[in-house]
Amino acid sequence: MIQKEVQELLHFNIKELRGFVLKKHEVYIPFEVIDTKGKFVELKDFVRRQFISIVRK
């Protein structure tokens, strides 16, 4: 679920970039898709929101 959210946020498809299968608990973000400061800030905010939601549980 989180992998798909990250892919939509950063506009990439992991199946096009990498050939290996991800496990359900893994999230993979290739460095080449974080090519601007804006995308880095978006990713940072996304990770922060995910962390906060996990901590609150």
PDB file of N, CA and C in Angstrom:
ATOM      1  N   MET A   1       0.811  -1.188   0.000  1.00  0.00           N
ATOM      2  CA  MET A   1       0.000   0.000   0.000  1.00  0.00           C
ATOM      3  C   MET A   1       0.861   1.262   0.000  1.00  0.00           C
ATOM      4  N   ILE A   2       1.824   1.317   0.888  1.00  0.00           N
ATOM      5  CA  ILE A   2       2.675   2.499   0.976  1.00  0.00           C
ATOM      6  C   ILE A   2       3.516   2.639  -0.285  1.00  0.00           C
ATOM      7  N   GLN A   3       3.966   1.528  -0.858  1.00  0.00           N
ATOM      8  CA  GLN A   3       4.757   1.578  -2.089  1.00  0.00           C
ATOM      9  C   GLN A   3       3.977   2.291  -3.194  1.00  0.00           C
ATOM     10  N   LYS A   4       2.707   1.966  -3.335  1.00  0.00           N
ATOM     11  CA  LYS A   4       1.891   2.593  -4.371  1.00  0.00           C
ATOM     12  C   LYS A   4       1.710   4.086  -4.105  1.00  0.00           C
ATOM     13  N   GLU A   5       1.547   4.465  -2.847  1.00  0.00           N
ATOM     14  CA  GLU A   5       1.409   5.880  -2.500  1.00  0.00           C
ATOM     15  C   GLU A   5       2.676   6.653  -2.859  1.00  0.00           C
ATOM     16  N   VAL A   6       3.833   6.080  -2.556  1.00  0.00           N
ATOM     17  CA  VAL A   6       5.107   6.728  -2.866  1.00  0.00           C
ATOM     18  C   VAL A   6       5.282   6.844  -4.373  1.00  0.00           C
ATOM     19  N   GLN A   7       4.925   5.811  -5.111  1.00  0.00           N
ATOM     20  CA  GLN A   7       5.038   5.832  -6.563  1.00  0.00           C
ATOM     21  C   GLN A   7       4.166   6.931  -7.161  1.00  0.00           C
ATOM     22  N   GLU A   8       2.962   7.100  -6.642  1.00  0.00           N
ATOM     23  CA  GLU A   8       2.079   8.161  -7.123  1.00  0.00           C
ATOM     24  C   GLU A   8       2.626   9.539  -6.760  1.00  0.00           C
ATOM     25  N   LEU A   9       3.164   9.660  -5.568  1.00  0.00           N
ATOM     26  CA  LEU A   9       3.703  10.935  -5.104  1.00  0.00           C
ATOM     27  C   LEU A   9       4.893  11.388  -5.947  1.00  0.00           C
ATOM     28  N   LEU A  10       5.784  10.458  -6.273  1.00  0.00           N
ATOM     29  CA  LEU A  10       7.007  10.794  -6.994  1.00  0.00           C
ATOM     30  C   LEU A  10       6.933  10.471  -8.491  1.00  0.00           C
ATOM     31  N   HIS A  11       5.799   9.979  -8.948  1.00  0.00           N
ATOM     32  CA  HIS A  11       5.546   9.713 -10.367  1.00  0.00           C
ATOM     33  C   HIS A  11       6.554   8.737 -10.985  1.00  0.00           C
ATOM     34  N   PHE A  12       6.590   7.513 -10.449  1.00  0.00           N
ATOM     35  CA  PHE A  12       7.409   6.464 -11.041  1.00  0.00           C
ATOM     36  C   PHE A  12       6.721   5.124 -10.859  1.00  0.00           C
ATOM     37  N   ASN A  13       7.157   4.149 -11.647  1.00  0.00           N
ATOM     38  CA  ASN A  13       6.631   2.790 -11.553  1.00  0.00           C
ATOM     39  C   ASN A  13       7.811   1.867 -11.278  1.00  0.00           C
ATOM     40  N   ILE A  14       7.817   1.252 -10.136  1.00  0.00           N
ATOM     41  CA  ILE A  14       8.949   0.425  -9.724  1.00  0.00           C
ATOM     42  C   ILE A  14       9.150  -0.762 -10.665  1.00  0.00           C
ATOM     43  N   LYS A  15       8.082  -1.265 -11.236  1.00  0.00           N
ATOM     44  CA  LYS A  15       8.201  -2.407 -12.148  1.00  0.00           C
ATOM     45  C   LYS A  15       8.945  -2.033 -13.426  1.00  0.00           C
ATOM     46  N   GLU A  16       8.883  -0.765 -13.815  1.00  0.00           N
ATOM     47  CA  GLU A  16       9.613  -0.313 -14.993  1.00  0.00           C
ATOM     48  C   GLU A  16      11.094  -0.077 -14.685  1.00  0.00           C
ATOM     49  N   LEU A  17      11.403   0.289 -13.438  1.00  0.00           N
ATOM     50  CA  LEU A  17      12.779   0.612 -13.061  1.00  0.00           C
ATOM     51  C   LEU A  17      13.566  -0.586 -12.549  1.00  0.00           C
ATOM     52  N   ARG A  18      12.914  -1.506 -11.855  1.00  0.00           N
ATOM     53  CA  ARG A  18      13.603  -2.632 -11.247  1.00  0.00           C
ATOM     54  C   ARG A  18      12.884  -3.926 -11.579  1.00  0.00           C
ATOM     55  N   GLY A  19      13.636  -5.006 -11.704  1.00  0.00           N
ATOM     56  CA  GLY A  19      13.059  -6.284 -12.089  1.00  0.00           C
ATOM     57  C   GLY A  19      12.755  -7.219 -10.938  1.00  0.00           C
ATOM     58  N   PHE A  20      13.186  -6.882  -9.729  1.00  0.00           N
ATOM     59  CA  PHE A  20      12.963  -7.811  -8.618  1.00  0.00           C
ATOM     60  C   PHE A  20      11.629  -7.545  -7.943  1.00  0.00           C
ATOM     61  N   VAL A  21      11.118  -8.556  -7.272  1.00  0.00           N
ATOM     62  CA  VAL A  21       9.828  -8.472  -6.596  1.00  0.00           C
ATOM     63  C   VAL A  21      10.031  -7.976  -5.178  1.00  0.00           C
ATOM     64  N   LEU A  22       9.205  -7.020  -4.792  1.00  0.00           N
ATOM     65  CA  LEU A  22       9.263  -6.506  -3.425  1.00  0.00           C
ATOM     66  C   LEU A  22       8.393  -7.353  -2.511  1.00  0.00           C
ATOM     67  N   LYS A  23       8.838  -7.493  -1.285  1.00  0.00           N
ATOM     68  CA  LYS A  23       8.023  -8.161  -0.279  1.00  0.00           C
ATOM     69  C   LYS A  23       6.945  -7.184   0.175  1.00  0.00           C
ATOM     70  N   LYS A  24       5.917  -7.685   0.796  1.00  0.00           N
ATOM     71  CA  LYS A  24       4.785  -6.828   1.181  1.00  0.00           C
ATOM     72  C   LYS A  24       5.169  -5.752   2.187  1.00  0.00           C
ATOM     73  N   HIS A  25       6.181  -5.990   3.002  1.00  0.00           N
ATOM     74  CA  HIS A  25       6.562  -5.024   4.024  1.00  0.00           C
ATOM     75  C   HIS A  25       7.651  -4.056   3.545  1.00  0.00           C
ATOM     76  N   GLU A  26       8.095  -4.188   2.293  1.00  0.00           N
ATOM     77  CA  GLU A  26       9.167  -3.346   1.782  1.00  0.00           C
ATOM     78  C   GLU A  26       8.622  -2.162   0.977  1.00  0.00           C
ATOM     79  N   VAL A  27       9.365  -1.063   1.057  1.00  0.00           N
ATOM     80  CA  VAL A  27       9.111   0.094   0.204  1.00  0.00           C
ATOM     81  C   VAL A  27      10.442   0.453  -0.416  1.00  0.00           C
ATOM     82  N   TYR A  28      10.461   0.545  -1.745  1.00  0.00           N
ATOM     83  CA  TYR A  28      11.703   0.823  -2.460  1.00  0.00           C
ATOM     84  C   TYR A  28      11.556   2.123  -3.230  1.00  0.00           C
ATOM     85  N   ILE A  29      12.480   3.043  -2.993  1.00  0.00           N
ATOM     86  CA  ILE A  29      12.485   4.326  -3.680  1.00  0.00           C
ATOM     87  C   ILE A  29      13.861   4.512  -4.308  1.00  0.00           C
ATOM     88  N   PRO A  30      13.957   4.374  -5.616  1.00  0.00           N
ATOM     89  CA  PRO A  30      15.252   4.573  -6.270  1.00  0.00           C
ATOM     90  C   PRO A  30      15.703   6.033  -6.138  1.00  0.00           C
ATOM     91  N   PHE A  31      16.981   6.231  -5.917  1.00  0.00           N
ATOM     92  CA  PHE A  31      17.495   7.589  -5.778  1.00  0.00           C
ATOM     93  C   PHE A  31      17.279   8.425  -7.031  1.00  0.00           C
ATOM     94  N   GLU A  32      17.275   7.797  -8.199  1.00  0.00           N
ATOM     95  CA  GLU A  32      17.147   8.578  -9.422  1.00  0.00           C
ATOM     96  C   GLU A  32      15.795   9.262  -9.578  1.00  0.00           C
ATOM     97  N   VAL A  33      14.773   8.830  -8.805  1.00  0.00           N
ATOM     98  CA  VAL A  33      13.475   9.513  -8.894  1.00  0.00           C
ATOM     99  C   VAL A  33      13.397  10.722  -7.968  1.00  0.00           C
ATOM    100  N   ILE A  34      14.347  10.838  -7.054  1.00  0.00           N
ATOM    101  CA  ILE A  34      14.397  12.001  -6.161  1.00  0.00           C
ATOM    102  C   ILE A  34      15.386  12.988  -6.784  1.00  0.00           C
ATOM    103  N   ASP A  35      14.969  13.598  -7.880  1.00  0.00           N
ATOM    104  CA  ASP A  35      15.882  14.417  -8.658  1.00  0.00           C
ATOM    105  C   ASP A  35      15.715  15.921  -8.464  1.00  0.00           C
ATOM    106  N   THR A  36      14.796  16.318  -7.597  1.00  0.00           N
ATOM    107  CA  THR A  36      14.626  17.740  -7.307  1.00  0.00           C
ATOM    108  C   THR A  36      14.441  17.931  -5.807  1.00  0.00           C
ATOM    109  N   LYS A  37      14.670  19.129  -5.364  1.00  0.00           N
ATOM    110  CA  LYS A  37      14.468  19.438  -3.945  1.00  0.00           C
ATOM    111  C   LYS A  37      12.994  19.286  -3.577  1.00  0.00           C
ATOM    112  N   GLY A  38      12.113  19.647  -4.493  1.00  0.00           N
ATOM    113  CA  GLY A  38      10.681  19.526  -4.239  1.00  0.00           C
ATOM    114  C   GLY A  38      10.258  18.096  -3.962  1.00  0.00           C
ATOM    115  N   LYS A  39      10.781  17.161  -4.761  1.00  0.00           N
ATOM    116  CA  LYS A  39      10.447  15.753  -4.536  1.00  0.00           C
ATOM    117  C   LYS A  39      11.022  15.264  -3.217  1.00  0.00           C
ATOM    118  N   PHE A  40      12.210  15.757  -2.866  1.00  0.00           N
ATOM    119  CA  PHE A  40      12.816  15.358  -1.596  1.00  0.00           C
ATOM    120  C   PHE A  40      11.957  15.850  -0.430  1.00  0.00           C
ATOM    121  N   VAL A  41      11.484  17.072  -0.517  1.00  0.00           N
ATOM    122  CA  VAL A  41      10.638  17.639   0.547  1.00  0.00           C
ATOM    123  C   VAL A  41       9.327  16.855   0.643  1.00  0.00           C
ATOM    124  N   GLU A  42       8.719  16.528  -0.504  1.00  0.00           N
ATOM    125  CA  GLU A  42       7.484  15.740  -0.497  1.00  0.00           C
ATOM    126  C   GLU A  42       7.709  14.378   0.156  1.00  0.00           C
ATOM    127  N   LEU A  43       8.810  13.730  -0.181  1.00  0.00           N
ATOM    128  CA  LEU A  43       9.130  12.426   0.391  1.00  0.00           C
ATOM    129  C   LEU A  43       9.367  12.532   1.891  1.00  0.00           C
ATOM    130  N   LYS A  44      10.085  13.556   2.288  1.00  0.00           N
ATOM    131  CA  LYS A  44      10.359  13.777   3.712  1.00  0.00           C
ATOM    132  C   LYS A  44       9.053  13.960   4.492  1.00  0.00           C
ATOM    133  N   ASP A  45       8.132  14.753   3.959  1.00  0.00           N
ATOM    134  CA  ASP A  45       6.841  14.961   4.619  1.00  0.00           C
ATOM    135  C   ASP A  45       6.023  13.670   4.663  1.00  0.00           C
ATOM    136  N   PHE A  46       6.081  12.895   3.588  1.00  0.00           N
ATOM    137  CA  PHE A  46       5.367  11.623   3.544  1.00  0.00           C
ATOM    138  C   PHE A  46       5.886  10.674   4.622  1.00  0.00           C
ATOM    139  N   VAL A  47       7.200  10.563   4.723  1.00  0.00           N
ATOM    140  CA  VAL A  47       7.805   9.673   5.721  1.00  0.00           C
ATOM    141  C   VAL A  47       7.438  10.145   7.129  1.00  0.00           C
ATOM    142  N   ARG A  48       7.458  11.448   7.343  1.00  0.00           N
ATOM    143  CA  ARG A  48       7.090  11.999   8.656  1.00  0.00           C
ATOM    144  C   ARG A  48       5.646  11.622   9.006  1.00  0.00           C
ATOM    145  N   ARG A  49       4.724  11.770   8.051  1.00  0.00           N
ATOM    146  CA  ARG A  49       3.316  11.422   8.311  1.00  0.00           C
ATOM    147  C   ARG A  49       3.162   9.936   8.617  1.00  0.00           C
ATOM    148  N   GLN A  50       3.886   9.084   7.874  1.00  0.00           N
ATOM    149  CA  GLN A  50       3.821   7.646   8.121  1.00  0.00           C
ATOM    150  C   GLN A  50       4.351   7.303   9.511  1.00  0.00           C
ATOM    151  N   PHE A  51       5.453   7.922   9.888  1.00  0.00           N
ATOM    152  CA  PHE A  51       6.048   7.669  11.204  1.00  0.00           C
ATOM    153  C   PHE A  51       5.091   8.090  12.311  1.00  0.00           C
ATOM    154  N   ILE A  52       4.503   9.260  12.169  1.00  0.00           N
ATOM    155  CA  ILE A  52       3.566   9.753  13.190  1.00  0.00           C
ATOM    156  C   ILE A  52       2.369   8.822  13.314  1.00  0.00           C
ATOM    157  N   SER A  53       1.851   8.330  12.183  1.00  0.00           N
ATOM    158  CA  SER A  53       0.692   7.440  12.246  1.00  0.00           C
ATOM    159  C   SER A  53       1.042   6.115  12.926  1.00  0.00           C
ATOM    160  N   ILE A  54       2.270   5.641  12.751  1.00  0.00           N
ATOM    161  CA  ILE A  54       2.696   4.398  13.398  1.00  0.00           C
ATOM    162  C   ILE A  54       2.898   4.609  14.890  1.00  0.00           C
ATOM    163  N   VAL A  55       3.496   5.726  15.264  1.00  0.00           N
ATOM    164  CA  VAL A  55       3.761   6.012  16.671  1.00  0.00           C
ATOM    165  C   VAL A  55       2.466   6.176  17.452  1.00  0.00           C
ATOM    166  N   ARG A  56       1.453   6.754  16.823  1.00  0.00           N
ATOM    167  CA  ARG A  56       0.180   6.993  17.512  1.00  0.00           C
ATOM    168  C   ARG A  56      -0.606   5.713  17.777  1.00  0.00           C
ATOM    169  N   LYS A  57      -0.281   4.633  17.084  1.00  0.00           N
ATOM    170  CA  LYS A  57      -1.030   3.372  17.270  1.00  0.00           C
ATOM    171  C   LYS A  57      -0.707   2.729  18.549  1.00  0.00           C
TER     172      LYS A  57
END
